[in-house]
Amino acid sequence: MMKRIDREFDLPSHVANRIKERFKALEDGDRELRDQISILQAEDESLKERVSNIEDGGLGVKRISDEDGDRIEFAPSDEFVAELTSDGVFKPIEPNVLKIGDDEAYLNDVVTANVTITSASSSKENIRELDPSMLDIKLPSPKIYQRVEGRGGTEIGFIAEELPEFLRRGNGYDLKALIAILALKVSKLEEELSKLKSG
């Protein structure tokens, strides 16, 4: 019996057929692998585009690298208001003020070991003493009340509407200015007491 020879491979037909089947399986696998690589490359381009969009501020977050160092800026509204520096400092972007909540949805409590108000003379101009007439400012008596928003509970404080207009800020009041007025009044009282003691 004569064996049939495949002219393409110059091998017996049954061997050549097996080789052809293997080649076809390899080609199909190669085509599938190329398709997967193509899909992954498209996804990679899409991800790069998204990351670029995020870093350029498209989602309210922008990555910055300049002479001041690396940082991330945040824009919950139309303009960037805060940044996270590469050394982990979260701070407002000038001239904005970083607000945690607002009059309608405020942060109920801020718990910290200390509060520092930036107050160096280098950041101020036209510095002068308070007018002595400010001693005559009548401050309302503090109140105790039940808070209806947020967590609720009993609080002690001032009613904003009862404070002088220049101390008020929206539905609240300027705590720094209130402390300054109280300090002025206390220092005047100490002065009067000192005079009484020495007289």
C-alpha atoms as a PDB file:
ATOM      1  CA  MET A   1       0.000   0.000   0.000  1.00  0.00           C
ATOM      2  CA  MET A   2       1.350   3.377  -1.053  1.00  0.00           C
ATOM      3  CA  LYS A   3       1.407   6.266   1.453  1.00  0.00           C
ATOM      4  CA  ARG A   4       0.020   9.606   0.258  1.00  0.00           C
ATOM      5  CA  ILE A   5       2.509  12.475   0.484  1.00  0.00           C
ATOM      6  CA  ASP A   6       1.480  16.054   1.155  1.00  0.00           C
ATOM      7  CA  ARG A   7       3.163  18.223  -1.465  1.00  0.00           C
ATOM      8  CA  GLU A   8       3.261  21.358   0.778  1.00  0.00           C
ATOM      9  CA  PHE A   9       5.174  19.681   3.601  1.00  0.00           C
ATOM     10  CA  ASP A  10       6.627  16.745   1.680  1.00  0.00           C
ATOM     11  CA  LEU A  11       5.405  14.510   4.471  1.00  0.00           C
ATOM     12  CA  PRO A  12       2.877  11.730   4.723  1.00  0.00           C
ATOM     13  CA  SER A  13      -0.610  13.243   4.492  1.00  0.00           C
ATOM     14  CA  HIS A  14      -1.773  12.152   7.964  1.00  0.00           C
ATOM     15  CA  VAL A  15       1.346  13.757   9.557  1.00  0.00           C
ATOM     16  CA  ALA A  16       0.993  16.922   7.438  1.00  0.00           C
ATOM     17  CA  ASN A  17      -2.690  17.212   8.414  1.00  0.00           C
ATOM     18  CA  ARG A  18      -1.802  17.091  12.095  1.00  0.00           C
ATOM     19  CA  ILE A  19       0.851  19.762  11.582  1.00  0.00           C
ATOM     20  CA  LYS A  20      -1.647  21.947   9.680  1.00  0.00           C
ATOM     21  CA  GLU A  21      -4.181  21.549  12.504  1.00  0.00           C
ATOM     22  CA  ARG A  22      -1.501  22.604  15.001  1.00  0.00           C
ATOM     23  CA  PHE A  23      -0.548  25.637  12.880  1.00  0.00           C
ATOM     24  CA  LYS A  24      -4.202  26.637  12.589  1.00  0.00           C
ATOM     25  CA  ALA A  25      -4.671  26.306  16.378  1.00  0.00           C
ATOM     26  CA  LEU A  26      -1.521  28.409  16.929  1.00  0.00           C
ATOM     27  CA  GLU A  27      -2.708  31.037  14.431  1.00  0.00           C
ATOM     28  CA  ASP A  28      -6.145  31.175  16.116  1.00  0.00           C
ATOM     29  CA  GLY A  29      -4.466  31.503  19.533  1.00  0.00           C
ATOM     30  CA  ASP A  30      -2.132  34.171  18.172  1.00  0.00           C
ATOM     31  CA  ARG A  31      -5.087  36.090  16.680  1.00  0.00           C
ATOM     32  CA  GLU A  32      -6.963  35.876  20.000  1.00  0.00           C
ATOM     33  CA  LEU A  33      -3.856  37.050  21.882  1.00  0.00           C
ATOM     34  CA  ARG A  34      -3.413  39.980  19.458  1.00  0.00           C
ATOM     35  CA  ASP A  35      -7.088  40.905  19.982  1.00  0.00           C
ATOM     36  CA  GLN A  36      -6.636  40.842  23.765  1.00  0.00           C
ATOM     37  CA  ILE A  37      -3.468  42.956  23.500  1.00  0.00           C
ATOM     38  CA  SER A  38      -5.341  45.417  21.301  1.00  0.00           C
ATOM     39  CA  ILE A  39      -8.192  45.638  23.861  1.00  0.00           C
ATOM     40  CA  LEU A  40      -5.692  46.125  26.709  1.00  0.00           C
ATOM     41  CA  GLN A  41      -3.894  48.856  24.744  1.00  0.00           C
ATOM     42  CA  ALA A  42      -7.221  50.634  24.135  1.00  0.00           C
ATOM     43  CA  GLU A  43      -8.083  50.358  27.860  1.00  0.00           C
ATOM     44  CA  ASP A  44      -4.608  51.638  28.749  1.00  0.00           C
ATOM     45  CA  GLU A  45      -5.114  54.686  26.490  1.00  0.00           C
ATOM     46  CA  SER A  46      -8.545  55.266  28.029  1.00  0.00           C
ATOM     47  CA  LEU A  47      -7.100  55.050  31.571  1.00  0.00           C
ATOM     48  CA  LYS A  48      -4.251  57.423  30.649  1.00  0.00           C
ATOM     49  CA  GLU A  49      -6.820  59.863  29.290  1.00  0.00           C
ATOM     50  CA  ARG A  50      -8.904  59.607  32.487  1.00  0.00           C
ATOM     51  CA  VAL A  51      -5.849  60.089  34.729  1.00  0.00           C
ATOM     52  CA  SER A  52      -4.803  63.069  32.614  1.00  0.00           C
ATOM     53  CA  ASN A  53      -8.329  64.471  32.871  1.00  0.00           C
ATOM     54  CA  ILE A  54      -8.264  64.044  36.666  1.00  0.00           C
ATOM     55  CA  GLU A  55      -4.781  65.562  37.002  1.00  0.00           C
ATOM     56  CA  ASP A  56      -5.833  68.512  34.845  1.00  0.00           C
ATOM     57  CA  GLY A  57      -8.740  69.209  37.187  1.00  0.00           C
ATOM     58  CA  GLY A  58     -11.570  67.539  35.262  1.00  0.00           C
ATOM     59  CA  LEU A  59     -13.017  65.951  38.422  1.00  0.00           C
ATOM     60  CA  GLY A  60     -12.182  68.736  40.839  1.00  0.00           C
ATOM     61  CA  VAL A  61      -8.717  67.320  41.577  1.00  0.00           C
ATOM     62  CA  LYS A  62      -5.559  68.648  39.946  1.00  0.00           C
ATOM     63  CA  ARG A  63      -1.945  67.496  40.317  1.00  0.00           C
ATOM     64  CA  ILE A  64       0.652  70.290  40.269  1.00  0.00           C
ATOM     65  CA  SER A  65       4.453  70.106  40.078  1.00  0.00           C
ATOM     66  CA  ASP A  66       6.355  73.399  40.089  1.00  0.00           C
ATOM     67  CA  GLU A  67       9.066  75.291  41.990  1.00  0.00           C
ATOM     68  CA  ASP A  68       6.904  75.054  45.158  1.00  0.00           C
ATOM     69  CA  GLY A  69       6.955  71.231  44.960  1.00  0.00           C
ATOM     70  CA  ASP A  70       4.376  68.545  44.222  1.00  0.00           C
ATOM     71  CA  ARG A  71       0.813  68.933  45.438  1.00  0.00           C
ATOM     72  CA  ILE A  72      -2.805  68.090  44.690  1.00  0.00           C
ATOM     73  CA  GLU A  73      -5.411  70.865  44.432  1.00  0.00           C
ATOM     74  CA  PHE A  74      -9.129  70.390  45.107  1.00  0.00           C
ATOM     75  CA  ALA A  75     -12.032  72.215  43.473  1.00  0.00           C
ATOM     76  CA  PRO A  76     -15.448  71.319  44.903  1.00  0.00           C
ATOM     77  CA  SER A  77     -16.864  74.308  42.971  1.00  0.00           C
ATOM     78  CA  ASP A  78     -15.691  76.226  39.886  1.00  0.00           C
ATOM     79  CA  GLU A  79     -12.352  77.276  41.366  1.00  0.00           C
ATOM     80  CA  PHE A  80      -9.655  75.430  43.300  1.00  0.00           C
ATOM     81  CA  VAL A  81      -9.968  76.142  47.025  1.00  0.00           C
ATOM     82  CA  ALA A  82      -7.598  73.768  48.821  1.00  0.00           C
ATOM     83  CA  GLU A  83      -4.420  71.811  48.263  1.00  0.00           C
ATOM     84  CA  LEU A  84      -2.673  68.776  49.736  1.00  0.00           C
ATOM     85  CA  THR A  85       1.094  69.292  49.608  1.00  0.00           C
ATOM     86  CA  SER A  86       3.655  66.510  49.136  1.00  0.00           C
ATOM     87  CA  ASP A  87       4.590  66.818  52.824  1.00  0.00           C
ATOM     88  CA  GLY A  88       0.984  66.110  53.871  1.00  0.00           C
ATOM     89  CA  VAL A  89      -0.238  69.648  54.625  1.00  0.00           C
ATOM     90  CA  PHE A  90      -3.881  70.312  53.727  1.00  0.00           C
ATOM     91  CA  LYS A  91      -4.464  74.048  53.365  1.00  0.00           C
ATOM     92  CA  PRO A  92      -6.596  76.618  51.536  1.00  0.00           C
ATOM     93  CA  ILE A  93      -5.409  78.161  48.295  1.00  0.00           C
ATOM     94  CA  GLU A  94      -5.132  81.918  48.652  1.00  0.00           C
ATOM     95  CA  PRO A  95      -7.238  84.032  48.646  1.00  0.00           C
ATOM     96  CA  ASN A  96      -9.845  81.432  49.575  1.00  0.00           C
ATOM     97  CA  VAL A  97     -10.864  80.491  53.072  1.00  0.00           C
ATOM     98  CA  LEU A  98     -11.251  76.801  53.735  1.00  0.00           C
ATOM     99  CA  LYS A  99     -14.745  76.187  55.113  1.00  0.00           C
ATOM    100  CA  ILE A 100     -15.793  72.962  56.727  1.00  0.00           C
ATOM    101  CA  GLY A 101     -19.534  73.018  56.166  1.00  0.00           C
ATOM    102  CA  ASP A 102     -21.614  76.171  55.941  1.00  0.00           C
ATOM    103  CA  ASP A 103     -24.529  77.880  57.709  1.00  0.00           C
ATOM    104  CA  GLU A 104     -26.958  75.197  56.508  1.00  0.00           C
ATOM    105  CA  ALA A 105     -24.737  72.124  56.804  1.00  0.00           C
ATOM    106  CA  TYR A 106     -21.989  72.924  59.277  1.00  0.00           C
ATOM    107  CA  LEU A 107     -19.554  70.643  61.043  1.00  0.00           C
ATOM    108  CA  ASN A 108     -21.001  70.055  64.502  1.00  0.00           C
ATOM    109  CA  ASP A 109     -17.765  69.831  66.479  1.00  0.00           C
ATOM    110  CA  VAL A 110     -14.124  70.450  65.708  1.00  0.00           C
ATOM    111  CA  VAL A 111     -11.994  68.615  68.254  1.00  0.00           C
ATOM    112  CA  THR A 112      -8.338  69.583  68.413  1.00  0.00           C
ATOM    113  CA  ALA A 113      -5.559  69.941  70.956  1.00  0.00           C
ATOM    114  CA  ASN A 114      -5.072  73.589  70.027  1.00  0.00           C
ATOM    115  CA  VAL A 115      -6.323  76.277  67.646  1.00  0.00           C
ATOM    116  CA  THR A 116      -3.774  78.668  66.170  1.00  0.00           C
ATOM    117  CA  ILE A 117      -4.955  81.838  64.448  1.00  0.00           C
ATOM    118  CA  THR A 118      -2.340  83.156  62.041  1.00  0.00           C
ATOM    119  CA  SER A 119      -1.742  86.655  63.324  1.00  0.00           C
ATOM    120  CA  ALA A 120       1.843  87.805  62.631  1.00  0.00           C
ATOM    121  CA  SER A 121       2.285  91.523  61.909  1.00  0.00           C
ATOM    122  CA  SER A 122       4.030  90.658  58.617  1.00  0.00           C
ATOM    123  CA  SER A 123       0.653  89.713  57.114  1.00  0.00           C
ATOM    124  CA  LYS A 124      -1.041  92.973  58.209  1.00  0.00           C
ATOM    125  CA  GLU A 125      -0.960  96.669  57.462  1.00  0.00           C
ATOM    126  CA  ASN A 126      -2.534  99.790  58.967  1.00  0.00           C
ATOM    127  CA  ILE A 127      -2.243  98.270  62.486  1.00  0.00           C
ATOM    128  CA  ARG A 128      -3.671 100.480  65.250  1.00  0.00           C
ATOM    129  CA  GLU A 129      -5.137 100.280  68.746  1.00  0.00           C
ATOM    130  CA  LEU A 130      -8.869  99.707  69.175  1.00  0.00           C
ATOM    131  CA  ASP A 131     -10.848 102.875  69.618  1.00  0.00           C
ATOM    132  CA  PRO A 132     -11.601 103.376  73.347  1.00  0.00           C
ATOM    133  CA  SER A 133     -15.277 103.791  72.387  1.00  0.00           C
ATOM    134  CA  MET A 134     -15.335 100.039  71.786  1.00  0.00           C
ATOM    135  CA  LEU A 135     -15.298  99.644  75.568  1.00  0.00           C
ATOM    136  CA  ASP A 136     -18.877 100.885  75.473  1.00  0.00           C
ATOM    137  CA  ILE A 137     -20.011  98.076  73.187  1.00  0.00           C
ATOM    138  CA  LYS A 138     -22.713  96.138  74.957  1.00  0.00           C
ATOM    139  CA  LEU A 139     -22.377  92.405  74.499  1.00  0.00           C
ATOM    140  CA  PRO A 140     -25.461  90.258  75.042  1.00  0.00           C
ATOM    141  CA  SER A 141     -25.498  87.729  77.821  1.00  0.00           C
ATOM    142  CA  PRO A 142     -24.530  84.185  76.783  1.00  0.00           C
ATOM    143  CA  LYS A 143     -27.402  81.728  76.390  1.00  0.00           C
ATOM    144  CA  ILE A 144     -27.925  78.024  76.943  1.00  0.00           C
ATOM    145  CA  TYR A 145     -30.005  76.329  74.273  1.00  0.00           C
ATOM    146  CA  GLN A 146     -30.833  73.104  72.460  1.00  0.00           C
ATOM    147  CA  ARG A 147     -29.275  72.750  68.989  1.00  0.00           C
ATOM    148  CA  VAL A 148     -31.868  71.570  66.463  1.00  0.00           C
ATOM    149  CA  GLU A 149     -29.521  70.806  63.535  1.00  0.00           C
ATOM    150  CA  GLY A 150     -26.726  68.251  63.285  1.00  0.00           C
ATOM    151  CA  ARG A 151     -26.253  66.070  66.341  1.00  0.00           C
ATOM    152  CA  GLY A 152     -28.357  68.364  68.509  1.00  0.00           C
ATOM    153  CA  GLY A 153     -27.734  68.588  72.228  1.00  0.00           C
ATOM    154  CA  THR A 154     -27.313  71.371  74.784  1.00  0.00           C
ATOM    155  CA  GLU A 155     -24.906  74.193  73.984  1.00  0.00           C
ATOM    156  CA  ILE A 156     -23.797  77.468  75.530  1.00  0.00           C
ATOM    157  CA  GLY A 157     -23.033  80.453  73.310  1.00  0.00           C
ATOM    158  CA  PHE A 158     -24.300  83.683  71.828  1.00  0.00           C
ATOM    159  CA  ILE A 159     -27.281  84.349  69.589  1.00  0.00           C
ATOM    160  CA  ALA A 160     -25.824  85.892  66.433  1.00  0.00           C
ATOM    161  CA  GLU A 161     -28.738  88.315  65.950  1.00  0.00           C
ATOM    162  CA  GLU A 162     -28.118  89.785  69.428  1.00  0.00           C
ATOM    163  CA  LEU A 163     -24.465  90.637  68.744  1.00  0.00           C
ATOM    164  CA  PRO A 164     -23.336  93.979  67.275  1.00  0.00           C
ATOM    165  CA  GLU A 165     -23.422  93.935  63.474  1.00  0.00           C
ATOM    166  CA  PHE A 166     -19.616  94.217  63.028  1.00  0.00           C
ATOM    167  CA  LEU A 167     -19.142  90.944  64.969  1.00  0.00           C
ATOM    168  CA  ARG A 168     -21.602  88.995  62.816  1.00  0.00           C
ATOM    169  CA  ARG A 169     -20.709  86.769  59.874  1.00  0.00           C
ATOM    170  CA  GLY A 170     -23.756  85.446  58.049  1.00  0.00           C
ATOM    171  CA  ASN A 171     -25.733  83.389  60.552  1.00  0.00           C
ATOM    172  CA  GLY A 172     -22.743  83.195  62.910  1.00  0.00           C
ATOM    173  CA  TYR A 173     -20.170  85.506  64.466  1.00  0.00           C
ATOM    174  CA  ASP A 174     -16.472  86.275  64.276  1.00  0.00           C
ATOM    175  CA  LEU A 175     -15.011  84.504  67.306  1.00  0.00           C
ATOM    176  CA  LYS A 176     -11.604  86.198  66.909  1.00  0.00           C
ATOM    177  CA  ALA A 177     -13.188  89.684  66.975  1.00  0.00           C
ATOM    178  CA  LEU A 178     -15.400  88.745  69.940  1.00  0.00           C
ATOM    179  CA  ILE A 179     -12.338  87.550  71.910  1.00  0.00           C
ATOM    180  CA  ALA A 180     -10.528  90.823  71.072  1.00  0.00           C
ATOM    181  CA  ILE A 181     -13.459  92.907  72.391  1.00  0.00           C
ATOM    182  CA  LEU A 182     -13.647  90.773  75.552  1.00  0.00           C
ATOM    183  CA  ALA A 183      -9.863  91.124  76.059  1.00  0.00           C
ATOM    184  CA  LEU A 184     -10.195  94.912  75.721  1.00  0.00           C
ATOM    185  CA  LYS A 185     -12.946  94.979  78.338  1.00  0.00           C
ATOM    186  CA  VAL A 186     -11.007  92.683  80.731  1.00  0.00           C
ATOM    187  CA  SER A 187      -7.813  94.771  80.401  1.00  0.00           C
ATOM    188  CA  LYS A 188      -9.803  97.950  81.181  1.00  0.00           C
ATOM    189  CA  LEU A 189     -11.338  96.266  84.255  1.00  0.00           C
ATOM    190  CA  GLU A 190      -7.859  95.178  85.422  1.00  0.00           C
ATOM    191  CA  GLU A 191      -6.659  98.765  84.971  1.00  0.00           C
ATOM    192  CA  GLU A 192      -9.565 100.107  87.054  1.00  0.00           C
ATOM    193  CA  LEU A 193      -8.977  97.471  89.762  1.00  0.00           C
ATOM    194  CA  SER A 194      -5.292  98.344  89.866  1.00  0.00           C
ATOM    195  CA  LYS A 195      -6.181 102.036  90.383  1.00  0.00           C
ATOM    196  CA  LEU A 196      -8.617 101.147  93.199  1.00  0.00           C
ATOM    197  CA  LYS A 197      -5.992  99.005  94.955  1.00  0.00           C
ATOM    198  CA  SER A 198      -3.284 101.660  94.747  1.00  0.00           C
ATOM    199  CA  GLY A 199      -5.668 104.525  95.676  1.00  0.00           C
END
